[in-house]
Protein backbone atom coordinates (compact mmCIF):
# COMPACT_ATOMS: atom_id res chain seq x y z
CA MET A 1 144.21 48.62 153.05
CA TRP A 2 140.63 49.23 152.08
CA VAL A 3 141.32 52.89 151.54
CA GLY A 4 144.21 52.12 149.24
CA VAL A 5 142.16 49.73 147.13
CA HIS A 6 139.32 52.24 146.88
CA LEU A 7 141.64 55.01 145.73
CA SER A 8 143.27 52.71 143.24
CA HIS A 9 139.89 51.71 141.86
CA HIS A 10 138.81 55.36 141.63
CA LYS A 11 142.01 56.26 139.82
CA ASP A 12 141.54 53.37 137.39
CA SER A 13 137.97 54.46 136.67
CA GLN A 14 139.12 58.00 135.95
CA SER A 15 141.82 56.69 133.65
CA LEU A 16 139.33 54.46 131.87
CA SER A 17 136.85 57.25 131.31
CA TRP A 18 139.63 59.53 130.08
CA THR A 19 140.71 57.05 127.42
CA GLU A 20 137.18 56.26 126.25
CA VAL A 21 136.09 59.83 125.42
CA PRO A 22 138.64 60.52 122.66
CA THR A 23 137.79 57.19 121.09
CA LEU A 24 134.11 58.17 120.84
CA LYS A 25 135.02 61.58 119.43
CA ASN A 26 137.28 60.08 116.82
CA LEU A 27 134.56 57.63 115.87
CA SER A 28 132.04 60.44 115.38
CA ARG A 29 134.53 62.39 113.28
CA ILE A 30 135.11 59.38 111.07
CA GLN A 31 131.37 58.94 110.61
CA VAL A 32 130.92 62.60 109.69
CA ALA A 33 133.82 62.45 107.24
CA GLU A 34 132.42 59.33 105.60
CA SER A 35 128.95 60.84 105.31
CA SER A 36 130.37 63.94 103.64
CA LEU A 37 131.91 61.76 100.93
CA LEU A 38 128.59 60.17 100.03
CA PRO A 39 126.91 61.50 96.86
CA THR A 40 124.09 63.95 97.52
CA GLU A 41 121.11 64.76 95.36
CA ALA A 42 121.00 68.14 93.66
CA PRO A 43 118.52 70.47 95.38
CA ASN A 44 115.26 71.00 93.62
CA HIS A 45 115.16 74.80 93.38
CA HIS A 46 111.61 74.84 92.09
CA LEU A 47 110.45 72.77 95.02
CA THR A 48 112.48 74.90 97.42
CA MET A 49 111.02 78.12 96.01
CA GLY A 50 107.53 76.69 96.12
CA ASN A 51 107.95 75.62 99.73
CA TRP A 52 109.27 79.05 100.62
CA VAL A 53 106.25 80.74 99.06
CA VAL A 54 103.90 78.37 100.89
CA ASN A 55 105.65 78.86 104.23
CA HIS A 56 105.94 82.63 103.84
CA TRP A 57 102.70 83.37 102.04
CA PHE A 58 101.92 86.37 104.21
CA SER A 59 105.30 87.96 103.49
CA VAL A 60 104.86 87.39 99.75
CA LEU A 61 101.35 88.84 99.85
CA PHE A 62 102.49 91.82 101.90
CA LEU A 63 105.44 92.49 99.58
CA ALA A 64 103.24 92.31 96.49
CA ALA A 65 100.69 94.65 98.09
CA TRP A 66 103.40 97.13 99.07
CA LEU A 67 104.96 97.22 95.60
CA GLY A 68 101.51 97.42 94.06
CA LEU A 69 100.67 100.41 96.25
CA ASN A 70 103.77 102.28 95.07
CA VAL A 71 102.99 101.53 91.42
CA PHE A 72 99.38 102.63 91.92
CA LEU A 73 100.38 105.92 93.55
CA PHE A 74 102.86 106.69 90.79
CA VAL A 75 100.48 105.85 87.94
CA HIS A 76 97.51 107.58 89.59
CA ALA A 77 99.44 110.80 90.19
CA PHE A 78 100.90 110.64 86.69
CA LEU A 79 97.50 110.30 85.03
CA SER A 80 95.99 112.98 87.27
CA PHE A 81 98.58 115.54 86.21
CA GLU A 82 98.40 114.33 82.61
CA LYS A 83 94.66 114.96 82.36
CA ALA A 84 94.45 118.11 84.49
CA THR A 85 93.41 121.14 82.45
CA SER A 86 95.50 123.43 84.63
CA THR A 87 98.73 121.98 83.24
CA THR A 88 97.94 123.14 79.70
CA THR A 89 99.60 126.52 80.11
CA GLN A 90 102.70 125.01 81.66
CA ASP A 91 102.93 122.32 78.97
CA LYS A 92 102.78 124.91 76.24
CA SER A 93 105.36 127.00 78.04
CA TRP A 94 108.01 124.42 78.92
CA GLY A 95 107.37 121.92 76.13
CA ARG A 96 106.02 118.40 76.44
CA HIS A 97 107.49 116.71 79.49
CA TRP A 98 106.55 114.48 82.37
CA PRO A 99 103.45 116.06 83.89
CA GLY A 100 103.98 117.21 87.42
CA PRO A 101 107.03 114.98 88.04
CA GLU A 102 108.04 116.59 91.29
CA PRO A 103 104.60 116.34 92.97
CA LEU A 104 103.92 112.75 91.94
CA LEU A 105 107.37 111.58 93.01
CA ALA A 106 107.05 113.58 96.21
CA THR A 107 103.83 111.65 96.86
CA CYS A 108 105.68 108.35 96.53
CA ILE A 109 108.60 109.54 98.68
CA LEU A 110 106.34 110.81 101.46
CA THR A 111 104.34 107.58 101.39
CA ALA A 112 107.50 105.51 101.74
CA CYS A 113 108.94 107.79 104.44
CA SER A 114 105.76 107.45 106.44
CA LYS A 115 106.34 103.68 106.59
CA ILE A 116 110.11 103.39 107.02
CA LEU A 117 110.03 103.98 110.79
CA LEU A 118 107.34 101.35 111.39
CA PRO A 119 109.65 98.29 111.16
CA VAL A 120 112.02 99.63 113.83
CA CYS A 121 109.31 100.43 116.41
CA ARG A 122 109.88 97.32 118.52
CA ASN A 123 107.14 97.84 121.09
CA LEU A 124 104.56 98.30 118.36
CA LEU A 125 105.84 95.22 116.56
CA ARG A 126 105.45 93.10 119.68
CA THR A 127 101.85 94.21 119.82
CA LEU A 128 101.21 93.34 116.18
CA GLY A 129 102.57 89.84 116.63
CA LYS A 130 104.64 87.46 114.56
CA GLN A 131 103.39 88.59 111.17
CA LEU A 132 106.02 91.34 111.12
CA ASP A 133 108.98 89.19 112.15
CA HIS A 134 110.84 90.30 109.02
CA ASN A 135 110.66 93.94 110.05
CA LEU A 136 114.25 94.79 109.10
CA THR A 137 113.77 93.30 105.64
CA PHE A 138 110.73 95.51 105.13
CA HIS A 139 112.71 98.48 106.49
CA LYS A 140 115.41 97.90 103.85
CA LEU A 141 112.83 97.47 101.11
CA VAL A 142 111.21 100.81 101.94
CA ALA A 143 114.65 102.44 102.01
CA TYR A 144 115.43 101.14 98.51
CA ILE A 145 112.11 102.49 97.24
CA ILE A 146 112.88 105.89 98.79
CA CYS A 147 116.28 105.92 97.08
CA LEU A 148 114.73 105.06 93.72
CA HIS A 149 112.06 107.76 93.93
CA THR A 150 114.61 110.28 95.19
CA ALA A 151 116.90 109.65 92.22
CA ILE A 152 114.02 110.14 89.76
CA HIS A 153 112.80 113.18 91.71
CA ILE A 154 116.20 114.88 91.51
CA THR A 155 116.58 114.03 87.82
CA THR A 156 113.23 115.60 86.92
CA HIS A 157 114.13 118.71 88.91
CA LEU A 158 117.33 119.07 86.90
CA PHE A 159 115.55 118.68 83.57
CA ASN A 160 112.77 121.10 84.49
CA PHE A 161 115.15 123.75 85.84
CA GLU A 162 117.02 123.55 82.54
CA ARG A 163 113.72 124.29 80.77
CA TYR A 164 113.06 127.14 83.21
CA SER A 165 116.47 128.62 82.39
CA ARG A 166 115.95 128.42 78.62
CA SER A 167 112.47 129.95 78.92
CA ARG A 168 113.82 132.80 81.02
CA GLN A 169 116.49 133.61 78.46
CA ALA A 170 114.05 133.49 75.52
CA THR A 171 113.35 136.87 73.86
CA ASP A 172 111.18 135.72 70.96
CA GLY A 173 107.87 136.74 72.52
CA SER A 174 106.75 133.15 72.89
CA LEU A 175 104.39 131.91 75.57
CA ALA A 176 107.36 130.54 77.51
CA SER A 177 109.10 133.91 77.62
CA ILE A 178 105.91 135.76 78.60
CA LEU A 179 105.17 133.36 81.46
CA SER A 180 108.77 133.54 82.63
CA ASN A 181 108.59 137.34 82.79
CA LEU A 182 105.56 137.40 85.08
CA SER A 183 106.42 139.59 88.04
CA HIS A 184 107.78 138.07 91.23
CA GLN A 185 106.57 141.11 93.16
CA GLU A 186 103.03 139.77 93.31
CA LYS A 187 102.45 136.63 95.34
CA ASP A 188 100.30 134.68 92.88
CA SER A 189 101.60 135.89 89.54
CA TRP A 190 104.92 134.23 88.84
CA LEU A 191 105.52 130.75 87.47
CA ASN A 192 109.24 130.54 86.74
CA PRO A 193 111.37 130.47 89.93
CA ILE A 194 114.38 131.77 87.96
CA GLN A 195 113.97 135.54 88.24
CA SER A 196 116.81 136.67 86.00
CA SER A 197 118.41 135.45 82.79
CA ASN A 198 121.75 135.48 84.65
CA THR A 199 120.51 133.24 87.45
CA THR A 200 122.22 129.86 87.48
CA MET A 201 120.92 126.53 88.73
CA GLU A 202 123.57 126.54 91.46
CA TYR A 203 122.30 129.90 92.73
CA VAL A 204 118.71 128.65 92.91
CA THR A 205 119.83 125.43 94.61
CA PHE A 206 121.71 127.11 97.44
CA THR A 207 119.56 130.21 98.01
CA TYR A 208 116.03 128.78 98.02
CA THR A 209 114.60 126.83 100.94
CA ALA A 210 113.68 123.91 98.71
CA GLY A 211 117.18 123.77 97.25
CA VAL A 212 119.06 123.91 100.55
CA THR A 213 116.82 121.37 102.27
CA GLY A 214 116.94 119.15 99.19
CA VAL A 215 120.74 119.04 99.31
CA ILE A 216 120.74 118.37 103.07
CA ILE A 217 118.22 115.52 103.01
CA THR A 218 119.88 113.96 99.95
CA ILE A 219 123.27 113.91 101.69
CA ALA A 220 121.63 112.53 104.83
CA LEU A 221 119.94 109.77 102.82
CA VAL A 222 123.19 108.83 101.06
CA LEU A 223 125.05 108.62 104.38
CA MET A 224 122.37 106.52 106.04
CA VAL A 225 122.16 104.06 103.14
CA THR A 226 125.85 103.68 102.35
CA LEU A 227 126.98 103.39 105.98
CA ALA A 228 124.28 100.80 106.66
CA MET A 229 125.84 98.26 104.31
CA GLU A 230 126.51 94.93 105.96
CA PHE A 231 130.32 95.04 105.99
CA ILE A 232 130.30 98.53 107.52
CA ARG A 233 127.52 97.67 109.94
CA ARG A 234 129.41 94.62 111.22
CA SER A 235 132.91 96.11 111.31
CA TYR A 236 132.05 99.64 112.42
CA SER A 237 128.82 99.33 114.34
CA GLU A 238 129.30 102.70 116.06
CA VAL A 239 129.53 104.48 112.70
CA PHE A 240 126.33 102.79 111.55
CA TRP A 241 124.55 103.59 114.81
CA TYR A 242 125.37 107.29 114.92
CA THR A 243 124.92 108.02 111.22
CA HIS A 244 121.54 106.30 111.21
CA HIS A 245 120.36 108.88 113.73
CA ILE A 246 120.64 111.46 110.96
CA PHE A 247 117.08 110.38 110.20
CA ILE A 248 115.98 113.15 112.58
CA MET A 249 117.58 115.77 110.33
CA TYR A 250 116.22 113.98 107.28
CA PHE A 251 112.59 114.10 108.42
CA ILE A 252 112.86 117.74 109.53
CA GLY A 253 114.27 118.72 106.14
CA LEU A 254 111.66 116.64 104.37
CA GLY A 255 108.91 118.43 106.25
CA ILE A 256 110.01 121.92 105.18
CA HIS A 257 111.31 121.01 101.71
CA GLY A 258 108.10 121.93 99.92
CA LEU A 259 107.23 125.05 101.92
CA GLY A 260 108.89 127.36 99.38
CA GLY A 261 106.23 126.61 96.77
CA LEU A 262 108.60 126.44 93.79
CA VAL A 263 106.44 123.86 92.02
CA ARG A 264 103.41 125.92 91.06
CA ASP A 265 100.02 125.45 89.47
CA GLN A 266 97.34 127.72 88.09
CA THR A 267 94.85 128.82 90.75
CA GLU A 268 91.29 127.51 90.72
CA LYS A 269 89.87 131.04 90.72
CA ASN A 270 91.98 132.07 87.75
CA MET A 271 90.97 128.95 85.81
CA ASP A 272 87.30 129.82 86.36
CA GLU A 273 87.91 133.27 84.88
CA ASN A 274 90.29 132.20 82.12
CA HIS A 275 89.91 128.89 80.37
CA PRO A 276 93.42 127.38 80.23
CA HIS A 277 92.97 125.76 76.80
CA LYS A 278 91.56 128.82 75.03
CA CYS A 279 93.59 131.53 76.74
CA ALA A 280 96.86 129.70 76.15
CA GLU A 281 96.21 130.02 72.40
CA PHE A 282 95.64 133.79 72.59
CA PHE A 283 98.40 134.79 75.00
CA GLU A 284 99.25 137.86 72.86
CA LYS A 285 95.93 139.45 73.89
CA TRP A 286 96.20 138.89 77.64
CA ASN A 287 96.69 142.59 78.34
CA ASP A 288 94.11 143.89 75.86
CA PRO A 289 91.20 145.67 77.60
CA ASP A 290 88.63 143.91 75.41
CA SER A 291 90.12 140.44 75.87
CA HIS A 292 88.37 137.86 78.00
CA CYS A 293 91.73 136.26 78.81
CA LYS A 294 93.82 137.81 81.55
CA PRO A 295 97.36 136.91 82.64
CA PRO A 296 97.25 133.65 84.57
CA GLN A 297 97.77 133.48 88.31
CA PHE A 298 99.77 130.70 89.93
CA GLU A 299 100.27 129.33 93.42
CA GLY A 300 102.67 126.92 95.05
CA LEU A 301 101.47 123.36 95.31
CA PRO A 302 100.90 122.15 98.89
CA ALA A 303 103.93 120.53 100.47
């Protein structure tokens, strides 16, 4: 008898608890639904933005410093090539153009590439602490900067190779044609990488070390950036993972891209013997025995 009453009581308690839970859930749902119907105040975006800046002041400061560094490097390199006396001969040869565009953009690209691996070095980030919690955001920012500088770098190459081609085909005895005809047989004599008037830009691109590596690292960069987009990264994580490892090929190609020395400058020794400003005005007398101006000598800029 006692056992039966106990079981009956236990069963009733289970039944009671089972009927009470849905009632509480329904009540909470009703409360949530009613609260969602209440009018809400419009968010104060200025206050929100201000709070974000206050709470993330280090990130804002770091971002401003990083962008400022890139602007400084670009402007500094631009002004350095603009004021350098050694560019006078080239300017007179190819016409007025961006001074030293490939070297100054290469400086920005190499600076960005030297930082892009830092945000994904997890062990190092743990050591640095919480200030680099937004490491992937910084990684993406550096990647965007690399893409921007790469696009400008390629564009300036295309414009300058077009000038090289026109100068090589010139037969009017101008300074551009004389510099373009400097012999390629001697190591430090030539300036124009296009050796023949029949040489095309495609031939130079796919036969020179700088051209081949430039194509390879550009394709690698495009693949890494496009296949890292969020919808591809989430839906096809394996594709993102494997293509992002192309960075090994990218950095190898980047390291040997400038070894060909296609971007050249007048040697320091030759500038001491021949003043660039004066000798560029009297280029017709370079080969005269009594002339103080000799044909200029050029060398590839360091990679």
